[in-house]
Protein backbone atom coordinates (compact mmCIF):
# COMPACT_ATOMS: atom_id res chain seq x y z
CA MET A 1 0.00 0.00 0.00
CA ILE A 2 1.25 3.47 -0.87
CA LYS A 3 1.56 5.82 2.06
CA LEU A 4 0.52 9.37 1.22
CA LYS A 5 2.32 11.64 3.66
CA ARG A 6 0.75 15.07 3.84
CA ASN A 7 2.83 17.71 2.06
CA MET A 8 0.29 20.46 1.27
CA SER A 9 -0.95 23.32 3.41
CA ASN A 10 -4.65 23.97 3.82
CA PHE A 11 -4.30 27.19 1.81
CA ASP A 12 -2.70 25.24 -1.05
CA ARG A 13 -5.53 22.71 -0.90
CA LEU A 14 -8.15 25.47 -0.97
CA VAL A 15 -6.55 27.16 -3.97
CA ARG A 16 -6.42 23.87 -5.89
CA PHE A 17 -10.07 23.16 -5.09
CA ILE A 18 -11.07 26.60 -6.37
CA VAL A 19 -9.07 25.95 -9.56
CA VAL A 20 -10.94 22.65 -9.98
CA LEU A 21 -14.27 24.44 -9.67
CA LEU A 22 -13.20 27.05 -12.21
CA LEU A 23 -11.94 24.46 -14.70
CA ILE A 24 -15.10 22.37 -14.45
CA SER A 25 -17.30 25.45 -14.85
CA ILE A 26 -15.28 26.54 -17.89
CA LEU A 27 -15.70 23.07 -19.34
CA TYR A 28 -19.43 23.06 -18.63
CA VAL A 29 -20.14 26.56 -19.96
CA GLY A 30 -17.64 26.59 -22.81
CA GLU A 31 -17.69 24.76 -26.09
CA PHE A 32 -14.53 22.79 -25.48
CA LYS A 33 -14.37 19.43 -27.19
CA GLY A 34 -11.76 16.83 -27.95
CA LEU A 35 -8.22 17.10 -26.65
CA ILE A 36 -8.71 20.41 -24.79
CA ALA A 37 -11.69 19.02 -22.87
CA PHE A 38 -9.75 15.86 -22.03
CA ILE A 39 -6.80 17.90 -20.73
CA ILE A 40 -9.13 20.02 -18.57
CA ILE A 41 -10.69 16.86 -17.11
CA VAL A 42 -7.30 15.26 -16.37
CA VAL A 43 -5.88 18.40 -14.72
CA SER A 44 -9.07 18.80 -12.68
CA ALA A 45 -8.88 15.19 -11.52
CA MET A 46 -5.24 15.55 -10.48
CA PHE A 47 -5.91 18.79 -8.60
CA LEU A 48 -8.99 17.29 -6.93
CA PHE A 49 -6.99 14.24 -5.80
CA ALA A 50 -4.26 16.49 -4.36
CA SER A 51 -6.82 18.73 -2.70
CA VAL A 52 -8.68 15.88 -1.02
CA THR A 53 -5.67 13.84 0.09
CA ALA A 54 -3.35 16.79 0.96
CA PHE A 55 -0.64 14.96 -0.99
CA CYS A 56 0.96 16.30 -4.16
CA PRO A 57 3.04 13.82 -6.19
CA PHE A 58 4.95 16.70 -7.81
CA TYR A 59 5.92 18.05 -4.40
CA LYS A 60 7.05 14.55 -3.40
CA SER A 61 9.23 14.16 -6.51
CA THR A 62 10.92 17.52 -5.89
CA ASN A 63 11.08 17.19 -2.07
CA LEU A 64 8.90 20.27 -1.55
CA SER A 65 6.36 20.72 1.20
CA THR A 66 4.03 23.58 2.02
CA TYR A 67 2.62 21.76 5.05
CA ASP A 68 3.31 23.22 8.46
CA SER A 69 2.06 21.48 11.59
CA GLU A 70 0.82 24.85 12.84
CA ASP A 71 -1.40 25.38 9.79
CA TYR A 72 -4.70 26.82 11.06
CA LEU A 73 -6.64 27.62 7.87
């Protein structure tokens, strides 16, 4: 089993969730089809995963972390 150690702050998670909402609303309202729509869906899914789990694979691969144990947001 893969252990997902938290590496994102709550602010970072909130920003990613807002981006997901914006991307999905752009997809819903706009006339995007084909490859562009697929890319929007994939990016939204990745951001939603990171937002929900507080784990960012990109941060893990670059040894970054925005998580602070005193994060109150």
